[in-house]
Amino acid sequence: MRSLRATLIAALVTCAFAPAAMAQQPLQARGKTVFDHWCHACHKRLYRGDLPVAGTSSLQRKYHGTKAAALEDRTDLSAGQIRYLVRHGIKSMPGSRKTEISDADLDALAAYLTRNAAAR
């Protein structure tokens, strides 16, 4: 009986949070598309034999392995940080105007890049 009760509670909790998770998936998929178009060239994951790219290489030097250098692997990014850095830029990364990356696309990008933080 106790096992059935625990199973039912787990099912109810899962159902309660499933709509929010399902709503995030299309937004994250759109964010992946935005990332691939605007960010990937400088912030892609580096594999053995890859030529270095500016953003990922810079973050490797900055964090010395204490944080993931590839943005897609980070777990500590917030949507606010992402929005600010995309709009204003940092060091050699230029800021992006709303005519380049719309607010809706920026929200999708933030949802994509913070998906690992939500899973932590």
N, C-alpha and C. Protein backbone atom coordinates (compact mmCIF):
# COMPACT_ATOMS: atom_id res chain seq x y z
N MET A 1 0.82 -1.19 0.00
CA MET A 1 0.00 0.00 0.00
C MET A 1 0.87 1.27 0.00
N ARG A 2 1.92 1.24 0.82
CA ARG A 2 2.81 2.40 0.92
C ARG A 2 3.49 2.66 -0.43
N SER A 3 3.86 1.59 -1.12
CA SER A 3 4.51 1.70 -2.43
C SER A 3 3.55 2.31 -3.46
N LEU A 4 2.29 1.87 -3.42
CA LEU A 4 1.30 2.42 -4.34
C LEU A 4 1.09 3.91 -4.07
N ARG A 5 1.03 4.26 -2.80
CA ARG A 5 0.86 5.68 -2.42
C ARG A 5 2.03 6.52 -2.93
N ALA A 6 3.25 6.04 -2.75
CA ALA A 6 4.44 6.76 -3.22
C ALA A 6 4.43 6.90 -4.74
N THR A 7 4.00 5.85 -5.42
CA THR A 7 3.93 5.89 -6.88
C THR A 7 2.90 6.91 -7.35
N LEU A 8 1.75 6.95 -6.69
CA LEU A 8 0.72 7.92 -7.05
C LEU A 8 1.18 9.36 -6.81
N ILE A 9 1.84 9.59 -5.69
CA ILE A 9 2.36 10.93 -5.40
C ILE A 9 3.39 11.34 -6.44
N ALA A 10 4.28 10.43 -6.79
CA ALA A 10 5.29 10.72 -7.82
C ALA A 10 4.64 11.03 -9.16
N ALA A 11 3.60 10.29 -9.50
CA ALA A 11 2.89 10.53 -10.76
C ALA A 11 2.21 11.90 -10.76
N LEU A 12 1.61 12.28 -9.64
CA LEU A 12 0.94 13.58 -9.55
C LEU A 12 1.96 14.72 -9.66
N VAL A 13 3.08 14.57 -9.00
CA VAL A 13 4.13 15.60 -9.08
C VAL A 13 4.64 15.72 -10.51
N THR A 14 4.87 14.60 -11.15
CA THR A 14 5.33 14.61 -12.54
C THR A 14 4.32 15.29 -13.44
N CYS A 15 3.05 14.99 -13.28
CA CYS A 15 2.01 15.60 -14.11
C CYS A 15 1.90 17.10 -13.85
N ALA A 16 2.12 17.51 -12.63
CA ALA A 16 2.02 18.93 -12.29
C ALA A 16 3.11 19.74 -12.98
N PHE A 17 4.31 19.17 -13.12
CA PHE A 17 5.42 19.91 -13.71
C PHE A 17 5.61 19.62 -15.19
N ALA A 18 4.99 18.61 -15.72
CA ALA A 18 5.15 18.25 -17.13
C ALA A 18 4.75 19.35 -18.10
N PRO A 19 3.62 20.07 -17.90
CA PRO A 19 3.26 21.12 -18.86
C PRO A 19 4.33 22.20 -18.97
N ALA A 20 4.92 22.60 -17.86
CA ALA A 20 5.97 23.62 -17.90
C ALA A 20 7.19 23.10 -18.65
N ALA A 21 7.56 21.85 -18.41
CA ALA A 21 8.71 21.28 -19.10
C ALA A 21 8.44 21.14 -20.59
N MET A 22 7.22 20.72 -20.94
CA MET A 22 6.88 20.58 -22.36
C MET A 22 6.86 21.94 -23.05
N ALA A 23 6.42 22.97 -22.36
CA ALA A 23 6.40 24.31 -22.94
C ALA A 23 7.82 24.82 -23.17
N GLN A 24 8.75 24.43 -22.32
CA GLN A 24 10.14 24.85 -22.46
C GLN A 24 10.81 24.20 -23.66
N GLN A 25 10.44 22.98 -23.99
CA GLN A 25 11.13 22.26 -25.06
C GLN A 25 11.09 22.99 -26.40
N PRO A 26 9.95 23.48 -26.88
CA PRO A 26 9.97 24.21 -28.15
C PRO A 26 10.78 25.50 -28.06
N LEU A 27 10.72 26.17 -26.89
CA LEU A 27 11.49 27.39 -26.70
C LEU A 27 12.98 27.07 -26.73
N GLN A 28 13.37 25.99 -26.07
CA GLN A 28 14.78 25.59 -26.08
C GLN A 28 15.23 25.16 -27.47
N ALA A 29 14.37 24.51 -28.21
CA ALA A 29 14.71 24.11 -29.58
C ALA A 29 14.93 25.36 -30.44
N ARG A 30 14.08 26.35 -30.27
CA ARG A 30 14.28 27.61 -30.99
C ARG A 30 15.58 28.27 -30.54
N GLY A 31 15.87 28.20 -29.24
CA GLY A 31 17.11 28.76 -28.71
C GLY A 31 18.33 28.08 -29.29
N LYS A 32 18.26 26.77 -29.50
CA LYS A 32 19.36 26.04 -30.12
C LYS A 32 19.59 26.55 -31.54
N THR A 33 18.52 26.82 -32.25
CA THR A 33 18.63 27.36 -33.61
C THR A 33 19.29 28.74 -33.58
N VAL A 34 18.89 29.57 -32.63
CA VAL A 34 19.49 30.91 -32.48
C VAL A 34 20.98 30.77 -32.15
N PHE A 35 21.30 29.87 -31.21
CA PHE A 35 22.69 29.65 -30.83
C PHE A 35 23.51 29.21 -32.05
N ASP A 36 22.99 28.24 -32.80
CA ASP A 36 23.72 27.74 -33.97
C ASP A 36 23.96 28.84 -35.00
N HIS A 37 23.01 29.74 -35.14
CA HIS A 37 23.14 30.81 -36.14
C HIS A 37 24.08 31.92 -35.67
N TRP A 38 23.92 32.38 -34.43
CA TRP A 38 24.65 33.56 -33.97
C TRP A 38 25.87 33.27 -33.10
N CYS A 39 25.87 32.21 -32.35
CA CYS A 39 26.88 32.03 -31.29
C CYS A 39 27.89 30.90 -31.56
N HIS A 40 27.45 29.89 -32.29
CA HIS A 40 28.23 28.67 -32.47
C HIS A 40 29.63 28.93 -33.02
N ALA A 41 29.78 29.84 -33.93
CA ALA A 41 31.08 30.07 -34.57
C ALA A 41 32.17 30.42 -33.55
N CYS A 42 31.81 31.12 -32.49
CA CYS A 42 32.80 31.52 -31.48
C CYS A 42 32.68 30.74 -30.17
N HIS A 43 31.54 30.10 -29.94
CA HIS A 43 31.30 29.47 -28.64
C HIS A 43 30.99 27.98 -28.72
N LYS A 44 31.43 27.31 -29.77
CA LYS A 44 31.14 25.88 -29.91
C LYS A 44 32.00 25.05 -28.96
N ARG A 45 31.56 23.82 -28.74
CA ARG A 45 32.36 22.86 -27.98
C ARG A 45 33.59 22.53 -28.81
N LEU A 46 34.70 22.38 -28.14
CA LEU A 46 35.94 22.02 -28.83
C LEU A 46 36.26 20.56 -28.55
N TYR A 47 36.57 19.84 -29.60
CA TYR A 47 36.95 18.44 -29.49
C TYR A 47 38.39 18.30 -29.92
N ARG A 48 39.01 17.22 -29.55
CA ARG A 48 40.42 16.98 -29.89
C ARG A 48 40.62 17.19 -31.40
N GLY A 49 41.58 18.03 -31.72
CA GLY A 49 41.89 18.29 -33.12
C GLY A 49 41.18 19.50 -33.70
N ASP A 50 40.18 20.04 -32.98
CA ASP A 50 39.48 21.24 -33.46
C ASP A 50 40.40 22.45 -33.38
N LEU A 51 40.24 23.35 -34.31
CA LEU A 51 40.93 24.63 -34.22
C LEU A 51 40.24 25.45 -33.13
N PRO A 52 41.00 26.23 -32.37
CA PRO A 52 40.39 27.04 -31.32
C PRO A 52 39.44 28.09 -31.90
N VAL A 53 38.39 28.40 -31.15
CA VAL A 53 37.48 29.48 -31.52
C VAL A 53 37.54 30.52 -30.41
N ALA A 54 37.33 31.78 -30.76
CA ALA A 54 37.59 32.90 -29.86
C ALA A 54 36.88 32.79 -28.51
N GLY A 55 35.58 32.62 -28.52
CA GLY A 55 34.83 32.64 -27.27
C GLY A 55 35.17 31.48 -26.35
N THR A 56 35.16 30.28 -26.86
CA THR A 56 35.44 29.10 -26.04
C THR A 56 36.89 29.12 -25.55
N SER A 57 37.80 29.49 -26.41
CA SER A 57 39.22 29.55 -26.02
C SER A 57 39.44 30.59 -24.94
N SER A 58 38.78 31.73 -25.06
CA SER A 58 38.90 32.79 -24.06
C SER A 58 38.37 32.32 -22.71
N LEU A 59 37.25 31.60 -22.72
CA LEU A 59 36.68 31.11 -21.47
C LEU A 59 37.52 29.98 -20.88
N GLN A 60 38.18 29.20 -21.71
CA GLN A 60 39.10 28.17 -21.19
C GLN A 60 40.23 28.83 -20.42
N ARG A 61 40.79 29.90 -21.00
CA ARG A 61 41.88 30.62 -20.32
C ARG A 61 41.38 31.30 -19.04
N LYS A 62 40.18 31.84 -19.09
CA LYS A 62 39.65 32.56 -17.94
C LYS A 62 39.38 31.63 -16.76
N TYR A 63 38.77 30.48 -17.02
CA TYR A 63 38.31 29.61 -15.94
C TYR A 63 39.27 28.48 -15.57
N HIS A 64 40.28 28.21 -16.38
CA HIS A 64 41.27 27.17 -16.08
C HIS A 64 40.62 25.85 -15.64
N GLY A 65 39.51 25.49 -16.29
CA GLY A 65 38.85 24.23 -15.99
C GLY A 65 37.90 24.24 -14.81
N THR A 66 37.77 25.37 -14.11
CA THR A 66 36.85 25.42 -12.97
C THR A 66 35.40 25.52 -13.41
N LYS A 67 35.18 25.99 -14.63
CA LYS A 67 33.85 26.04 -15.24
C LYS A 67 33.99 25.57 -16.68
N ALA A 68 32.90 25.07 -17.23
CA ALA A 68 32.92 24.65 -18.63
C ALA A 68 33.16 25.87 -19.52
N ALA A 69 33.99 25.70 -20.51
CA ALA A 69 34.28 26.81 -21.44
C ALA A 69 33.20 26.93 -22.51
N ALA A 70 32.61 25.82 -22.92
CA ALA A 70 31.55 25.85 -23.94
C ALA A 70 30.25 26.29 -23.28
N LEU A 71 29.64 27.32 -23.82
CA LEU A 71 28.42 27.85 -23.22
C LEU A 71 27.31 26.81 -23.10
N GLU A 72 27.23 25.90 -24.05
CA GLU A 72 26.19 24.87 -24.02
C GLU A 72 26.36 23.89 -22.86
N ASP A 73 27.53 23.85 -22.27
CA ASP A 73 27.80 22.93 -21.16
C ASP A 73 27.74 23.61 -19.79
N ARG A 74 27.54 24.90 -19.76
CA ARG A 74 27.54 25.63 -18.49
C ARG A 74 26.29 25.33 -17.68
N THR A 75 26.43 25.37 -16.37
CA THR A 75 25.29 25.18 -15.47
C THR A 75 25.08 26.40 -14.58
N ASP A 76 25.90 27.42 -14.75
CA ASP A 76 25.85 28.58 -13.85
C ASP A 76 25.35 29.85 -14.53
N LEU A 77 24.85 29.76 -15.73
CA LEU A 77 24.39 30.95 -16.44
C LEU A 77 22.95 31.29 -16.05
N SER A 78 22.68 32.57 -15.96
CA SER A 78 21.30 33.00 -15.71
C SER A 78 20.78 33.68 -16.98
N ALA A 79 19.48 33.70 -17.10
CA ALA A 79 18.86 34.36 -18.27
C ALA A 79 19.25 35.83 -18.32
N GLY A 80 19.30 36.47 -17.16
CA GLY A 80 19.68 37.89 -17.11
C GLY A 80 21.09 38.13 -17.61
N GLN A 81 22.03 37.28 -17.21
CA GLN A 81 23.41 37.40 -17.69
C GLN A 81 23.47 37.27 -19.20
N ILE A 82 22.77 36.28 -19.70
CA ILE A 82 22.79 36.03 -21.14
C ILE A 82 22.22 37.22 -21.90
N ARG A 83 21.08 37.70 -21.47
CA ARG A 83 20.45 38.86 -22.14
C ARG A 83 21.39 40.07 -22.13
N TYR A 84 21.99 40.35 -20.99
CA TYR A 84 22.88 41.51 -20.88
C TYR A 84 24.08 41.36 -21.80
N LEU A 85 24.75 40.21 -21.75
CA LEU A 85 25.97 40.03 -22.55
C LEU A 85 25.67 40.02 -24.04
N VAL A 86 24.54 39.46 -24.44
CA VAL A 86 24.20 39.46 -25.87
C VAL A 86 23.91 40.89 -26.33
N ARG A 87 23.20 41.65 -25.54
CA ARG A 87 22.86 43.03 -25.94
C ARG A 87 24.05 43.98 -25.87
N HIS A 88 24.90 43.82 -24.86
CA HIS A 88 25.98 44.79 -24.62
C HIS A 88 27.36 44.30 -25.04
N GLY A 89 27.52 42.98 -25.18
CA GLY A 89 28.83 42.45 -25.54
C GLY A 89 29.79 42.48 -24.37
N ILE A 90 30.95 41.89 -24.58
CA ILE A 90 32.01 41.90 -23.58
C ILE A 90 33.33 41.64 -24.30
N LYS A 91 34.33 42.40 -23.97
CA LYS A 91 35.65 42.31 -24.61
C LYS A 91 35.49 42.32 -26.13
N SER A 92 35.95 41.26 -26.81
CA SER A 92 35.89 41.27 -28.28
C SER A 92 34.53 40.83 -28.82
N MET A 93 33.60 40.42 -27.95
CA MET A 93 32.27 40.02 -28.41
C MET A 93 31.40 41.26 -28.54
N PRO A 94 30.92 41.53 -29.74
CA PRO A 94 30.07 42.72 -29.92
C PRO A 94 28.67 42.48 -29.36
N GLY A 95 28.02 43.56 -29.00
CA GLY A 95 26.62 43.48 -28.61
C GLY A 95 25.75 43.27 -29.85
N SER A 96 24.56 42.75 -29.65
CA SER A 96 23.64 42.50 -30.77
C SER A 96 22.40 43.36 -30.62
N ARG A 97 22.04 44.03 -31.70
CA ARG A 97 20.83 44.87 -31.71
C ARG A 97 19.59 43.99 -31.82
N LYS A 98 18.45 44.59 -31.46
CA LYS A 98 17.17 43.87 -31.57
C LYS A 98 16.83 43.54 -33.01
N THR A 99 17.41 44.27 -33.95
CA THR A 99 17.17 43.96 -35.36
C THR A 99 17.97 42.74 -35.80
N GLU A 100 18.96 42.35 -35.01
CA GLU A 100 19.74 41.15 -35.30
C GLU A 100 19.16 39.95 -34.54
N ILE A 101 19.09 40.08 -33.23
CA ILE A 101 18.51 39.03 -32.38
C ILE A 101 17.32 39.67 -31.67
N SER A 102 16.13 39.25 -32.06
CA SER A 102 14.91 39.83 -31.46
C SER A 102 14.83 39.46 -29.98
N ASP A 103 13.99 40.18 -29.23
CA ASP A 103 13.79 39.85 -27.83
C ASP A 103 13.26 38.43 -27.67
N ALA A 104 12.38 38.01 -28.57
CA ALA A 104 11.84 36.64 -28.51
C ALA A 104 12.94 35.61 -28.76
N ASP A 105 13.81 35.88 -29.71
CA ASP A 105 14.92 34.96 -29.97
C ASP A 105 15.91 34.97 -28.80
N LEU A 106 16.10 36.11 -28.19
CA LEU A 106 16.99 36.21 -27.04
C LEU A 106 16.41 35.42 -25.86
N ASP A 107 15.10 35.49 -25.66
CA ASP A 107 14.45 34.69 -24.61
C ASP A 107 14.65 33.20 -24.89
N ALA A 108 14.51 32.82 -26.15
CA ALA A 108 14.70 31.41 -26.53
C ALA A 108 16.16 30.99 -26.29
N LEU A 109 17.10 31.85 -26.66
CA LEU A 109 18.51 31.56 -26.44
C LEU A 109 18.79 31.39 -24.95
N ALA A 110 18.24 32.27 -24.14
CA ALA A 110 18.42 32.17 -22.69
C ALA A 110 17.82 30.87 -22.15
N ALA A 111 16.67 30.48 -22.65
CA ALA A 111 16.05 29.21 -22.23
C ALA A 111 16.95 28.03 -22.60
N TYR A 112 17.54 28.08 -23.77
CA TYR A 112 18.42 27.01 -24.22
C TYR A 112 19.69 26.94 -23.36
N LEU A 113 20.33 28.08 -23.14
CA LEU A 113 21.60 28.08 -22.43
C LEU A 113 21.44 27.89 -20.92
N THR A 114 20.25 28.06 -20.38
CA THR A 114 20.04 27.84 -18.95
C THR A 114 19.38 26.49 -18.67
N ARG A 115 19.17 25.69 -19.70
CA ARG A 115 18.51 24.39 -19.50
C ARG A 115 19.30 23.50 -18.58
N ASN A 116 20.63 23.57 -18.59
CA ASN A 116 21.45 22.75 -17.71
C ASN A 116 21.38 23.22 -16.26
N ALA A 117 21.21 24.52 -16.07
CA ALA A 117 21.08 25.06 -14.71
C ALA A 117 19.78 24.58 -14.09
N ALA A 118 18.74 24.48 -14.89
CA ALA A 118 17.43 24.03 -14.39
C ALA A 118 17.48 22.55 -14.03
N ALA A 119 18.35 21.79 -14.68
CA ALA A 119 18.42 20.35 -14.44
C ALA A 119 19.31 20.01 -13.25
N ARG A 120 20.06 20.97 -12.75
CA ARG A 120 20.99 20.72 -11.64
C ARG A 120 20.28 20.39 -10.38
